[in-house]
Amino acid sequence: MYSWAIQSNLLDPTTPCPPYHVKFDQETCVENDFSVPTELIFGFAKTIITAFPKVRQTVISAHPPGSRIDLHSDNDEFLKIHIPIETNSDAWFFFEGEKFNLEVGSAYMINTVVPHGTDNLGTTDRIHLIFKIHKDDIDTILNNEWLLSPSLIDFDILELPNFKFNLDELQSYYNIVSKDYGYLKWIMPPKDPTVDPARYPSNFEKSIGIFGYAILTNLDDVNIPVPAPGDFKKVGNKKPFDKKTPMVLGFADKILEQFPDAEELVITGHPINTSLHPHVDKDEHVRIHLPIISTPESYFLFGDKKYVLEVGKAYIVNTKRNHATDNQGTLDRVHLHFKVHISRILQIIQTRYTI
């Protein structure tokens, strides 16, 4: 058998982590923990770990043909969720009196307190993604939906009527940012003649002048502005935008109290007659937008659909779909917005927030 530990119990997460029942040098272990993140936490694995409470021992486990695990019982504080990736009709999960074939395309909760085992009598590997949940969270997991794929998001923009905030406080916060933190402001520059023109979107000129303030940054120095998205001469790093800048105060601080896992908290401004080209965000997030300044002539575009976001309201924007913006109004269009992981969408829609 073989596996990849997505969460490890080793102090060095770059070292292959053996199964919990294999004896290992205890000086290198975080005993009985199995929550140390490894470099395999990306994509679907990150979705799992972000979505489920107190998840641990996330692993991809493979049982080649002819492999078998005899009846045994696991720690009674946890149960396991199995998501088959590859299997065959002769790969079995068995208990003392029953056996089950777990199918690709479904997820299963396994009561591993009851004696159980596995037997792959087929001719192909049986490969599952597995993670442990605490028994106290069983009801939460069984009685909620879990959105784990961007393809299942079936909206462009949704208003969040349960998201309450003080508009005066938000606008006062923006006034402080624009007055006192100009040194952290980025502005979309004109095309650089030394950069390959193919790197620029076809209507890039219309976005020149768009500006922003990265309230959370991905730079080690939190006192310098992040590069503008169109500044291809300044190569940004790929770290998450989760470091606090001096602008984390007041209203922004309250946002992060309610959304501690938020990334890329930012204020962006689209001056009159600017637009942002159609694009799809590449990561596994959507955005929550709080308009600060706007007019009916400033809107999001999803294909031929226009969405006007009103000041004083909150919205969740599906940036996993092709989207653009256009400001044909008489004022700058200014929004505060931040990223939330797609696994949080249903929870956010159903929860009442007071900022």
Protein backbone atom coordinates (compact mmCIF):
# COMPACT_ATOMS: atom_id res chain seq x y z
CA MET A 1 0.00 0.00 0.00
CA TYR A 2 1.09 3.58 -0.48
CA SER A 3 -0.17 7.06 0.37
CA TRP A 4 0.42 10.80 0.41
CA ALA A 5 -0.08 12.59 3.74
CA ILE A 6 -1.77 15.92 3.08
CA GLN A 7 -1.71 16.56 6.83
CA SER A 8 1.22 15.09 8.72
CA ASN A 9 2.23 14.40 12.32
CA LEU A 10 5.92 15.06 11.59
CA LEU A 11 7.78 18.18 12.67
CA ASP A 12 9.29 18.24 9.16
CA PRO A 13 6.27 18.23 6.81
CA THR A 14 8.52 17.66 3.77
CA THR A 15 9.25 14.13 5.02
CA PRO A 16 6.93 11.30 3.93
CA CYS A 17 4.57 10.61 6.81
CA PRO A 18 3.83 6.93 7.52
CA PRO A 19 0.37 5.73 8.62
CA TYR A 20 -0.44 6.32 12.28
CA HIS A 21 -0.02 2.65 13.20
CA VAL A 22 3.57 2.49 11.86
CA LYS A 23 6.12 3.11 14.60
CA PHE A 24 8.27 6.17 14.01
CA ASP A 25 10.96 8.14 15.86
CA GLN A 26 8.84 10.05 18.38
CA GLU A 27 11.36 12.90 18.57
CA THR A 28 10.33 13.88 15.04
CA CYS A 29 6.57 13.67 15.68
CA VAL A 30 3.76 15.83 16.94
CA GLU A 31 2.18 12.94 18.82
CA ASN A 32 -1.37 12.01 17.81
CA ASP A 33 -1.84 15.27 15.95
CA PHE A 34 -1.81 14.68 12.18
CA SER A 35 -2.74 18.27 11.42
CA VAL A 36 0.66 19.62 10.33
CA PRO A 37 0.13 21.08 6.83
CA THR A 38 2.25 19.73 3.98
CA GLU A 39 2.91 21.21 0.56
CA LEU A 40 0.06 19.04 -0.77
CA ILE A 41 -2.55 21.46 0.62
CA PHE A 42 -3.74 23.03 -2.62
CA GLY A 43 -6.70 22.64 -4.96
CA PHE A 44 -9.27 20.12 -3.76
CA ALA A 45 -7.28 19.25 -0.64
CA LYS A 46 -7.32 22.89 0.44
CA THR A 47 -11.06 22.94 -0.18
CA ILE A 48 -11.54 19.97 2.16
CA ILE A 49 -9.37 21.42 4.91
CA THR A 50 -11.02 24.83 4.62
CA ALA A 51 -14.55 23.44 4.54
CA PHE A 52 -14.71 20.93 7.36
CA PRO A 53 -14.32 21.69 11.09
CA LYS A 54 -11.27 20.35 12.93
CA VAL A 55 -10.35 18.09 10.01
CA ARG A 56 -7.16 16.06 10.50
CA GLN A 57 -5.17 13.20 8.98
CA THR A 58 -6.15 14.10 5.41
CA VAL A 59 -4.50 11.60 3.10
CA ILE A 60 -4.69 9.96 -0.30
CA SER A 61 -4.47 6.24 0.34
CA ALA A 62 -3.99 3.56 -2.31
CA HIS A 63 -4.55 -0.18 -1.97
CA PRO A 64 -3.09 -2.18 -4.88
CA PRO A 65 -4.76 -5.40 -6.06
CA GLY A 66 -4.56 -8.17 -3.46
CA SER A 67 -3.99 -5.87 -0.49
CA ARG A 68 -6.04 -6.31 2.67
CA ILE A 69 -6.42 -4.63 6.07
CA ASP A 70 -7.79 -6.97 8.72
CA LEU A 71 -10.57 -6.04 11.15
CA HIS A 72 -9.55 -3.31 13.58
CA SER A 73 -11.05 -0.33 15.46
CA ASP A 74 -9.83 3.29 15.38
CA ASN A 75 -9.69 6.04 17.98
CA ASP A 76 -13.23 6.66 19.25
CA GLU A 77 -12.96 10.47 19.10
CA PHE A 78 -12.99 10.52 15.31
CA LEU A 79 -14.75 9.08 12.28
CA LYS A 80 -13.57 9.09 8.69
CA ILE A 81 -14.93 10.47 5.47
CA HIS A 82 -13.90 8.59 2.33
CA ILE A 83 -14.06 10.05 -1.19
CA PRO A 84 -13.16 7.36 -3.77
CA ILE A 85 -10.92 8.61 -6.61
CA GLU A 86 -10.31 5.30 -8.39
CA THR A 87 -11.77 1.92 -7.54
CA ASN A 88 -13.20 -1.29 -8.96
CA SER A 89 -16.27 -3.45 -8.30
CA ASP A 90 -14.23 -5.93 -6.24
CA ALA A 91 -12.72 -3.43 -3.77
CA TRP A 92 -14.52 -3.84 -0.45
CA PHE A 93 -14.94 -2.06 2.85
CA PHE A 94 -16.07 -4.75 5.28
CA PHE A 95 -17.41 -4.98 8.80
CA GLU A 96 -17.99 -8.19 10.75
CA GLY A 97 -21.29 -8.95 9.03
CA GLU A 98 -21.44 -6.64 6.02
CA LYS A 99 -19.35 -5.38 3.14
CA PHE A 100 -19.65 -2.27 0.98
CA ASN A 101 -18.30 -1.20 -2.39
CA LEU A 102 -17.67 2.56 -2.27
CA GLU A 103 -18.31 4.20 -5.64
CA VAL A 104 -16.45 7.02 -7.36
CA GLY A 105 -18.54 10.20 -7.36
CA SER A 106 -19.89 9.81 -3.83
CA ALA A 107 -18.61 10.57 -0.33
CA TYR A 108 -19.05 8.26 2.65
CA MET A 109 -18.88 8.65 6.43
CA ILE A 110 -17.33 5.58 8.07
CA ASN A 111 -17.86 4.66 11.70
CA THR A 112 -14.32 3.47 12.33
CA VAL A 113 -15.09 2.76 16.00
CA VAL A 114 -16.85 -0.40 14.78
CA PRO A 115 -14.39 -3.17 13.74
CA HIS A 116 -13.75 -2.76 10.02
CA GLY A 117 -11.28 -3.63 7.30
CA THR A 118 -10.67 -3.46 3.55
CA ASP A 119 -10.00 -6.01 0.83
CA ASN A 120 -9.10 -5.20 -2.78
CA LEU A 121 -9.92 -8.34 -4.79
CA GLY A 122 -9.91 -6.43 -8.09
CA THR A 123 -7.21 -5.97 -10.71
CA THR A 124 -6.71 -2.18 -10.26
CA ASP A 125 -5.66 0.06 -7.38
CA ARG A 126 -8.35 1.32 -5.01
CA ILE A 127 -7.50 4.98 -4.26
CA HIS A 128 -9.41 7.15 -1.77
CA LEU A 129 -9.04 10.62 -0.35
CA ILE A 130 -9.68 10.22 3.39
CA PHE A 131 -9.92 12.61 6.32
CA LYS A 132 -10.96 12.42 9.95
CA ILE A 133 -13.69 14.45 11.63
CA HIS A 134 -14.45 14.72 15.33
CA LYS A 135 -17.52 12.84 16.53
CA ASP A 136 -18.93 16.12 17.93
CA ASP A 137 -19.21 17.43 14.36
CA ILE A 138 -21.23 14.55 12.90
CA ASP A 139 -24.56 16.38 13.04
CA THR A 140 -23.06 19.52 11.52
CA ILE A 141 -21.64 17.56 8.62
CA LEU A 142 -24.76 15.46 8.01
CA ASN A 143 -27.18 18.40 8.20
CA ASN A 144 -25.40 20.88 5.95
CA GLU A 145 -24.60 21.08 2.27
CA TRP A 146 -20.94 21.22 1.30
CA LEU A 147 -19.98 23.07 -1.86
CA LEU A 148 -16.60 21.71 -2.95
CA SER A 149 -16.39 22.49 -6.68
CA PRO A 150 -16.46 25.82 -8.59
CA SER A 151 -18.55 24.13 -11.30
CA LEU A 152 -21.44 23.84 -8.81
CA ILE A 153 -21.73 27.59 -8.18
CA ASP A 154 -24.88 28.53 -10.07
CA PHE A 155 -25.01 32.32 -9.73
CA ASP A 156 -23.23 35.43 -11.04
CA ILE A 157 -23.87 37.86 -8.17
CA LEU A 158 -26.05 37.47 -5.08
CA GLU A 159 -27.07 40.18 -2.66
CA LEU A 160 -26.38 39.26 0.98
CA PRO A 161 -29.36 40.67 2.93
CA ASN A 162 -28.04 39.09 6.17
CA PHE A 163 -24.79 41.07 5.92
CA LYS A 164 -25.36 44.23 7.99
CA PHE A 165 -22.85 47.06 8.33
CA ASN A 166 -22.68 50.79 9.03
CA LEU A 167 -22.22 52.58 5.69
CA ASP A 168 -21.07 55.81 7.36
CA GLU A 169 -18.33 53.88 9.13
CA LEU A 170 -17.24 52.22 5.88
CA GLN A 171 -17.14 55.54 4.02
CA SER A 172 -15.27 57.20 6.90
CA TYR A 173 -12.75 54.37 6.78
CA TYR A 174 -12.21 54.99 3.05
CA ASN A 175 -11.69 58.70 3.72
CA ILE A 176 -8.97 57.84 6.25
CA VAL A 177 -7.30 55.40 3.85
CA SER A 178 -7.30 57.84 0.92
CA LYS A 179 -6.08 60.74 3.13
CA ASP A 180 -3.45 59.04 5.29
CA TYR A 181 -2.21 56.05 3.31
CA GLY A 182 -1.47 57.42 -0.13
CA TYR A 183 1.98 55.83 0.06
CA LEU A 184 0.28 52.39 -0.15
CA LYS A 185 -1.86 53.26 -3.18
CA TRP A 186 -1.26 51.45 -6.46
CA ILE A 187 -2.38 52.79 -9.86
CA MET A 188 -2.74 50.84 -13.10
CA PRO A 189 0.09 52.21 -15.31
CA PRO A 190 0.15 52.64 -19.10
CA LYS A 191 1.64 49.87 -21.22
CA ASP A 192 5.39 49.45 -20.83
CA PRO A 193 7.02 49.51 -24.30
CA THR A 194 9.68 47.04 -23.14
CA VAL A 195 7.06 44.40 -22.27
CA ASP A 196 5.72 41.98 -24.88
CA PRO A 197 2.38 43.54 -26.01
CA ALA A 198 0.78 40.08 -26.05
CA ARG A 199 0.91 40.07 -22.26
CA TYR A 200 -1.63 42.90 -22.12
CA PRO A 201 -5.39 42.35 -22.58
CA SER A 202 -6.82 43.77 -25.81
CA ASN A 203 -8.61 46.67 -24.09
CA PHE A 204 -5.97 47.34 -21.44
CA GLU A 205 -5.94 51.08 -22.20
CA LYS A 206 -9.44 51.40 -20.71
CA SER A 207 -8.17 50.16 -17.34
CA ILE A 208 -5.32 52.66 -17.04
CA GLY A 209 -5.88 54.71 -13.91
CA ILE A 210 -7.71 52.06 -11.91
CA PHE A 211 -6.30 52.27 -8.39
CA GLY A 212 -6.35 50.35 -5.16
CA TYR A 213 -5.17 49.92 -1.59
CA ALA A 214 -4.13 46.42 -0.52
CA ILE A 215 -5.28 46.29 3.11
CA LEU A 216 -3.88 42.77 3.27
CA THR A 217 -0.66 42.27 1.35
CA ASN A 218 1.47 39.39 0.07
CA LEU A 219 4.69 41.35 0.49
CA ASP A 220 7.12 40.84 3.34
CA ASP A 221 7.37 44.62 3.72
CA VAL A 222 3.85 45.71 4.67
CA ASN A 223 4.76 49.40 4.29
CA ILE A 224 5.13 49.44 0.50
CA PRO A 225 2.35 49.18 -2.11
CA VAL A 226 1.74 45.94 -3.96
CA PRO A 227 2.40 46.08 -7.72
CA ALA A 228 -0.58 47.11 -9.82
CA PRO A 229 -2.14 44.18 -11.74
CA GLY A 230 -0.99 45.69 -15.06
CA ASP A 231 2.57 46.46 -13.94
CA PHE A 232 4.30 43.55 -15.62
CA LYS A 233 7.78 44.91 -14.89
CA LYS A 234 7.22 44.33 -11.17
CA VAL A 235 6.79 40.64 -10.59
CA GLY A 236 4.69 39.91 -7.55
CA ASN A 237 5.08 36.76 -5.47
CA LYS A 238 2.51 33.97 -5.27
CA LYS A 239 2.03 34.12 -1.52
CA PRO A 240 -1.52 34.68 -0.24
CA PHE A 241 -2.60 38.23 0.51
CA ASP A 242 -2.95 37.65 4.26
CA LYS A 243 -0.39 39.93 5.92
CA LYS A 244 -1.80 42.97 7.71
CA THR A 245 -0.78 46.44 6.58
CA PRO A 246 -1.14 49.63 8.67
CA MET A 247 -4.59 50.02 7.06
CA VAL A 248 -5.98 47.18 9.19
CA LEU A 249 -7.89 49.39 11.58
CA GLY A 250 -11.48 50.41 12.20
CA PHE A 251 -13.89 48.92 9.66
CA ALA A 252 -11.23 46.64 8.14
CA ASP A 253 -10.41 45.23 11.55
CA LYS A 254 -14.09 44.41 12.08
CA ILE A 255 -14.22 42.58 8.73
CA LEU A 256 -11.27 40.40 9.73
CA GLU A 257 -12.86 39.66 13.11
CA GLN A 258 -15.86 38.18 11.29
CA PHE A 259 -13.81 36.63 8.45
CA PRO A 260 -10.43 35.66 9.94
CA ASP A 261 -9.60 33.50 6.91
CA ALA A 262 -10.29 36.30 4.40
CA GLU A 263 -7.61 37.00 1.82
CA GLU A 264 -6.87 39.98 -0.41
CA LEU A 265 -8.88 42.53 1.55
CA VAL A 266 -8.62 45.59 -0.69
CA ILE A 267 -10.25 48.82 -1.76
CA THR A 268 -10.29 49.36 -5.52
CA GLY A 269 -11.35 52.43 -7.44
CA HIS A 270 -12.45 52.60 -11.08
CA PRO A 271 -12.37 56.22 -12.32
CA ILE A 272 -14.92 57.56 -14.82
CA ASN A 273 -14.77 55.84 -18.25
CA THR A 274 -12.52 53.01 -17.08
CA SER A 275 -13.30 49.32 -17.46
CA LEU A 276 -11.72 46.02 -16.53
CA HIS A 277 -11.37 43.40 -19.26
CA PRO A 278 -13.28 40.08 -19.04
CA HIS A 279 -11.40 37.52 -16.98
CA VAL A 280 -11.79 34.52 -14.66
CA ASP A 281 -10.03 34.34 -11.32
CA LYS A 282 -7.67 31.37 -11.19
CA ASP A 283 -7.92 30.41 -7.53
CA GLU A 284 -10.67 28.66 -5.54
CA HIS A 285 -12.28 31.80 -4.16
CA VAL A 286 -15.19 34.15 -4.71
CA ARG A 287 -15.38 37.75 -3.52
CA ILE A 288 -17.58 39.73 -1.17
CA HIS A 289 -18.08 43.32 -2.38
CA LEU A 290 -19.21 46.32 -0.33
CA PRO A 291 -19.74 49.34 -2.63
CA ILE A 292 -18.51 52.61 -1.10
CA ILE A 293 -19.13 54.97 -4.05
CA SER A 294 -21.14 54.01 -7.13
CA THR A 295 -23.74 55.17 -9.67
CA PRO A 296 -26.35 53.32 -11.76
CA GLU A 297 -23.99 53.62 -14.75
CA SER A 298 -21.28 51.58 -13.02
CA TYR A 299 -21.76 47.82 -13.23
CA PHE A 300 -20.39 44.30 -13.34
CA LEU A 301 -20.68 42.46 -16.64
CA PHE A 302 -21.23 38.70 -16.93
CA GLY A 303 -21.53 38.16 -20.66
CA ASP A 304 -24.38 40.44 -21.75
CA LYS A 305 -25.84 40.70 -18.23
CA LYS A 306 -25.29 43.92 -16.28
CA TYR A 307 -25.35 44.04 -12.48
CA VAL A 308 -25.45 47.35 -10.61
CA LEU A 309 -24.18 46.99 -7.05
CA GLU A 310 -25.78 49.52 -4.72
CA VAL A 311 -24.02 51.46 -1.99
CA GLY A 312 -25.05 50.26 1.47
CA LYS A 313 -25.50 46.62 0.43
CA ALA A 314 -23.20 43.58 0.38
CA TYR A 315 -22.82 41.10 -2.47
CA ILE A 316 -21.06 37.83 -3.18
CA VAL A 317 -19.54 37.81 -6.68
CA ASN A 318 -18.77 34.58 -8.52
CA THR A 319 -15.35 35.44 -9.88
CA LYS A 320 -14.97 31.86 -11.13
CA ARG A 321 -17.16 32.94 -14.07
CA ASN A 322 -16.01 35.27 -16.83
CA HIS A 323 -16.66 38.78 -15.54
CA ALA A 324 -15.74 42.39 -16.26
CA THR A 325 -16.56 45.90 -15.00
CA ASP A 326 -17.44 49.19 -16.67
CA ASN A 327 -17.85 52.64 -15.14
CA GLN A 328 -19.78 55.02 -17.40
CA GLY A 329 -21.00 57.09 -14.46
CA THR A 330 -20.04 60.54 -13.20
CA LEU A 331 -18.19 59.36 -10.07
CA ASP A 332 -15.39 56.95 -9.27
CA ARG A 333 -16.68 53.45 -8.57
CA VAL A 334 -15.05 52.43 -5.25
CA HIS A 335 -15.57 49.05 -3.56
CA LEU A 336 -14.12 47.31 -0.54
CA HIS A 337 -13.88 43.61 -1.27
CA PHE A 338 -12.19 40.44 -0.08
CA LYS A 339 -11.83 36.80 -1.01
CA VAL A 340 -13.56 33.88 0.69
CA HIS A 341 -13.01 30.25 -0.19
CA ILE A 342 -15.73 28.59 -2.28
CA SER A 343 -16.34 26.08 0.51
CA ARG A 344 -17.68 28.98 2.63
CA ILE A 345 -20.34 30.17 0.16
CA LEU A 346 -23.35 28.33 1.57
CA GLN A 347 -22.39 29.19 5.13
CA ILE A 348 -21.98 32.88 4.26
CA ILE A 349 -25.34 33.06 2.47
CA GLN A 350 -27.10 31.50 5.47
CA THR A 351 -25.32 33.41 8.27
CA ARG A 352 -26.25 36.80 9.71
CA TYR A 353 -23.24 39.12 9.98
CA THR A 354 -23.10 42.43 11.83
CA ILE A 355 -19.97 44.43 11.14
